[in-house]
Amino acid sequence: MLEALIRDEKTAPKSFGYKLRNNLLTLEDQEEALTSPKWAYYFARNVKGADIKVCQEQAVKSPRLAYRFAKDIPGADVKRETC
């Protein structure tokens, strides 16, 4: 049973949350990151080469994340207002 679970774990598609927690995100995951303000923030923060402007558009939908984005993300438009 354990062998089957280990085999399935290696071949099963990984969720965005799993990739985030295990530092497995790549630029190919950006489209999925843009489905949530929180994911857009973490994607911009953790993935080198992320499109900061596009991620910021999504992240600023949350006032708390707009603040954190401006504070934590190099290249963020700090004068941009929330939506």
N, C-alpha and C. Protein backbone atom coordinates (compact mmCIF):
# COMPACT_ATOMS: atom_id res chain seq x y z
N MET A 1 0.82 -1.19 0.00
CA MET A 1 0.00 0.00 0.00
C MET A 1 0.87 1.26 0.00
N LEU A 2 1.86 1.30 0.86
CA LEU A 2 2.74 2.46 0.94
C LEU A 2 3.48 2.68 -0.38
N GLU A 3 3.91 1.60 -0.99
CA GLU A 3 4.61 1.72 -2.28
C GLU A 3 3.71 2.34 -3.34
N ALA A 4 2.44 1.98 -3.34
CA ALA A 4 1.49 2.54 -4.31
C ALA A 4 1.30 4.04 -4.06
N LEU A 5 1.23 4.45 -2.81
CA LEU A 5 1.08 5.87 -2.50
C LEU A 5 2.31 6.66 -2.92
N ILE A 6 3.47 6.12 -2.68
CA ILE A 6 4.71 6.80 -3.08
C ILE A 6 4.78 6.90 -4.60
N ARG A 7 4.42 5.84 -5.30
CA ARG A 7 4.44 5.85 -6.76
C ARG A 7 3.45 6.90 -7.28
N ASP A 8 2.25 6.94 -6.72
CA ASP A 8 1.24 7.91 -7.15
C ASP A 8 1.66 9.33 -6.83
N GLU A 9 2.32 9.55 -5.71
CA GLU A 9 2.75 10.89 -5.32
C GLU A 9 3.73 11.47 -6.32
N LYS A 10 4.55 10.62 -6.91
CA LYS A 10 5.55 11.10 -7.86
C LYS A 10 4.95 11.45 -9.21
N THR A 11 3.83 10.85 -9.57
CA THR A 11 3.24 11.08 -10.88
C THR A 11 2.00 11.95 -10.84
N ALA A 12 1.41 12.14 -9.68
CA ALA A 12 0.18 12.93 -9.59
C ALA A 12 0.47 14.41 -9.81
N PRO A 13 -0.45 15.12 -10.49
CA PRO A 13 -0.25 16.57 -10.66
C PRO A 13 -0.28 17.27 -9.30
N LYS A 14 0.54 18.26 -9.16
CA LYS A 14 0.65 18.97 -7.88
C LYS A 14 -0.22 20.23 -7.90
N SER A 15 -0.87 20.52 -6.80
CA SER A 15 -1.68 21.73 -6.71
C SER A 15 -0.77 22.93 -6.50
N PHE A 16 -1.32 24.12 -6.72
CA PHE A 16 -0.55 25.34 -6.53
C PHE A 16 -0.06 25.44 -5.08
N GLY A 17 -0.94 25.12 -4.14
CA GLY A 17 -0.56 25.18 -2.73
C GLY A 17 0.58 24.23 -2.40
N TYR A 18 0.54 23.03 -2.95
CA TYR A 18 1.62 22.06 -2.73
C TYR A 18 2.93 22.59 -3.28
N LYS A 19 2.89 23.13 -4.50
CA LYS A 19 4.10 23.68 -5.12
C LYS A 19 4.64 24.86 -4.32
N LEU A 20 3.74 25.69 -3.80
CA LEU A 20 4.16 26.84 -3.00
C LEU A 20 4.85 26.38 -1.73
N ARG A 21 4.25 25.46 -1.01
CA ARG A 21 4.82 24.98 0.25
C ARG A 21 6.15 24.27 0.07
N ASN A 22 6.34 23.65 -1.09
CA ASN A 22 7.55 22.86 -1.33
C ASN A 22 8.53 23.54 -2.28
N ASN A 23 8.33 24.84 -2.50
CA ASN A 23 9.23 25.64 -3.33
C ASN A 23 9.43 25.03 -4.72
N LEU A 24 8.32 24.64 -5.36
CA LEU A 24 8.37 24.01 -6.67
C LEU A 24 7.75 24.87 -7.77
N LEU A 25 7.37 26.10 -7.45
CA LEU A 25 6.72 26.95 -8.44
C LEU A 25 7.69 27.36 -9.54
N THR A 26 7.17 27.43 -10.76
CA THR A 26 7.94 27.89 -11.91
C THR A 26 7.13 28.95 -12.63
N LEU A 27 7.73 29.59 -13.62
CA LEU A 27 7.03 30.62 -14.38
C LEU A 27 5.78 30.07 -15.06
N GLU A 28 5.75 28.80 -15.36
CA GLU A 28 4.58 28.19 -15.99
C GLU A 28 3.35 28.20 -15.06
N ASP A 29 3.55 28.41 -13.78
CA ASP A 29 2.44 28.42 -12.82
C ASP A 29 1.82 29.80 -12.65
N GLN A 30 2.30 30.79 -13.37
CA GLN A 30 1.81 32.15 -13.16
C GLN A 30 0.32 32.29 -13.47
N GLU A 31 -0.16 31.64 -14.51
CA GLU A 31 -1.58 31.75 -14.85
C GLU A 31 -2.46 31.29 -13.69
N GLU A 32 -2.09 30.20 -13.06
CA GLU A 32 -2.85 29.71 -11.90
C GLU A 32 -2.70 30.66 -10.71
N ALA A 33 -1.53 31.27 -10.57
CA ALA A 33 -1.31 32.21 -9.47
C ALA A 33 -2.24 33.40 -9.57
N LEU A 34 -2.61 33.78 -10.77
CA LEU A 34 -3.44 34.96 -10.96
C LEU A 34 -4.92 34.72 -10.66
N THR A 35 -5.25 33.55 -10.17
CA THR A 35 -6.64 33.26 -9.81
C THR A 35 -6.97 33.69 -8.39
N SER A 36 -5.97 34.14 -7.64
CA SER A 36 -6.18 34.51 -6.24
C SER A 36 -5.21 35.63 -5.85
N PRO A 37 -5.69 36.66 -5.13
CA PRO A 37 -4.77 37.71 -4.68
C PRO A 37 -3.62 37.15 -3.83
N LYS A 38 -3.94 36.21 -2.96
CA LYS A 38 -2.90 35.64 -2.09
C LYS A 38 -1.86 34.88 -2.90
N TRP A 39 -2.31 34.08 -3.85
CA TRP A 39 -1.37 33.33 -4.67
C TRP A 39 -0.54 34.25 -5.53
N ALA A 40 -1.14 35.31 -6.06
CA ALA A 40 -0.40 36.26 -6.89
C ALA A 40 0.72 36.91 -6.07
N TYR A 41 0.43 37.27 -4.82
CA TYR A 41 1.44 37.85 -3.94
C TYR A 41 2.58 36.86 -3.71
N TYR A 42 2.25 35.65 -3.32
CA TYR A 42 3.30 34.65 -3.04
C TYR A 42 4.09 34.31 -4.30
N PHE A 43 3.41 34.25 -5.43
CA PHE A 43 4.11 33.95 -6.68
C PHE A 43 5.13 35.05 -6.99
N ALA A 44 4.71 36.31 -6.90
CA ALA A 44 5.62 37.42 -7.17
C ALA A 44 6.78 37.44 -6.18
N ARG A 45 6.50 37.07 -4.95
CA ARG A 45 7.53 37.08 -3.91
C ARG A 45 8.52 35.93 -4.07
N ASN A 46 8.05 34.77 -4.51
CA ASN A 46 8.88 33.57 -4.48
C ASN A 46 9.49 33.15 -5.81
N VAL A 47 8.97 33.63 -6.93
CA VAL A 47 9.42 33.13 -8.23
C VAL A 47 10.19 34.23 -8.97
N LYS A 48 11.45 33.96 -9.24
CA LYS A 48 12.26 34.91 -10.00
C LYS A 48 11.74 34.97 -11.43
N GLY A 49 11.59 36.19 -11.95
CA GLY A 49 11.11 36.36 -13.31
C GLY A 49 9.60 36.50 -13.41
N ALA A 50 8.91 36.50 -12.28
CA ALA A 50 7.45 36.67 -12.30
C ALA A 50 7.12 38.05 -12.85
N ASP A 51 6.01 38.15 -13.56
CA ASP A 51 5.55 39.44 -14.10
C ASP A 51 4.93 40.22 -12.93
N ILE A 52 5.70 41.14 -12.38
CA ILE A 52 5.30 41.87 -11.17
C ILE A 52 4.03 42.68 -11.41
N LYS A 53 3.94 43.36 -12.55
CA LYS A 53 2.77 44.19 -12.82
C LYS A 53 1.49 43.37 -12.85
N VAL A 54 1.53 42.24 -13.52
CA VAL A 54 0.34 41.40 -13.63
C VAL A 54 -0.03 40.82 -12.26
N CYS A 55 0.95 40.38 -11.52
CA CYS A 55 0.69 39.85 -10.18
C CYS A 55 0.13 40.94 -9.26
N GLN A 56 0.65 42.15 -9.38
CA GLN A 56 0.19 43.24 -8.54
C GLN A 56 -1.27 43.57 -8.84
N GLU A 57 -1.67 43.51 -10.11
CA GLU A 57 -3.07 43.77 -10.47
C GLU A 57 -4.01 42.86 -9.69
N GLN A 58 -3.63 41.61 -9.53
CA GLN A 58 -4.46 40.67 -8.80
C GLN A 58 -4.32 40.85 -7.28
N ALA A 59 -3.11 41.04 -6.82
CA ALA A 59 -2.86 41.11 -5.37
C ALA A 59 -3.52 42.31 -4.72
N VAL A 60 -3.62 43.43 -5.43
CA VAL A 60 -4.18 44.64 -4.81
C VAL A 60 -5.69 44.57 -4.62
N LYS A 61 -6.30 43.49 -5.01
CA LYS A 61 -7.74 43.32 -4.75
C LYS A 61 -8.00 43.11 -3.26
N SER A 62 -6.95 42.82 -2.53
CA SER A 62 -7.00 42.70 -1.08
C SER A 62 -6.17 43.84 -0.48
N PRO A 63 -6.77 44.73 0.30
CA PRO A 63 -6.00 45.84 0.88
C PRO A 63 -4.78 45.37 1.68
N ARG A 64 -4.92 44.30 2.43
CA ARG A 64 -3.80 43.79 3.22
C ARG A 64 -2.67 43.34 2.31
N LEU A 65 -3.01 42.65 1.22
CA LEU A 65 -1.98 42.18 0.31
C LEU A 65 -1.40 43.31 -0.53
N ALA A 66 -2.18 44.34 -0.78
CA ALA A 66 -1.66 45.51 -1.49
C ALA A 66 -0.53 46.13 -0.68
N TYR A 67 -0.74 46.25 0.62
CA TYR A 67 0.30 46.78 1.51
C TYR A 67 1.53 45.88 1.51
N ARG A 68 1.29 44.59 1.69
CA ARG A 68 2.42 43.65 1.75
C ARG A 68 3.16 43.59 0.41
N PHE A 69 2.41 43.67 -0.69
CA PHE A 69 3.05 43.65 -2.00
C PHE A 69 3.99 44.83 -2.15
N ALA A 70 3.50 46.02 -1.81
CA ALA A 70 4.33 47.22 -1.92
C ALA A 70 5.55 47.14 -1.01
N LYS A 71 5.37 46.53 0.15
CA LYS A 71 6.45 46.44 1.14
C LYS A 71 7.48 45.36 0.80
N ASP A 72 7.03 44.23 0.29
CA ASP A 72 7.89 43.05 0.15
C ASP A 72 8.42 42.76 -1.24
N ILE A 73 7.78 43.29 -2.28
CA ILE A 73 8.13 42.89 -3.65
C ILE A 73 8.97 43.98 -4.32
N PRO A 74 10.22 43.68 -4.63
CA PRO A 74 11.03 44.64 -5.37
C PRO A 74 10.41 44.88 -6.76
N GLY A 75 10.33 46.13 -7.15
CA GLY A 75 9.75 46.47 -8.45
C GLY A 75 8.26 46.74 -8.42
N ALA A 76 7.65 46.66 -7.23
CA ALA A 76 6.22 46.94 -7.13
C ALA A 76 5.97 48.43 -7.30
N ASP A 77 4.82 48.76 -7.86
CA ASP A 77 4.41 50.15 -8.01
C ASP A 77 3.81 50.60 -6.68
N VAL A 78 4.61 51.23 -5.85
CA VAL A 78 4.17 51.58 -4.49
C VAL A 78 3.16 52.73 -4.49
N LYS A 79 3.01 53.42 -5.58
CA LYS A 79 2.03 54.52 -5.64
C LYS A 79 0.68 54.04 -6.14
N ARG A 80 0.60 52.78 -6.56
CA ARG A 80 -0.66 52.26 -7.07
C ARG A 80 -1.65 52.10 -5.94
N GLU A 81 -2.89 52.42 -6.22
CA GLU A 81 -3.95 52.27 -5.23
C GLU A 81 -4.63 50.92 -5.40
N THR A 82 -5.34 50.49 -4.36
CA THR A 82 -6.07 49.24 -4.45
C THR A 82 -7.29 49.41 -5.32
N CYS A 83 -7.84 48.29 -5.78
CA CYS A 83 -9.02 48.33 -6.64
C CYS A 83 -10.27 48.62 -5.83
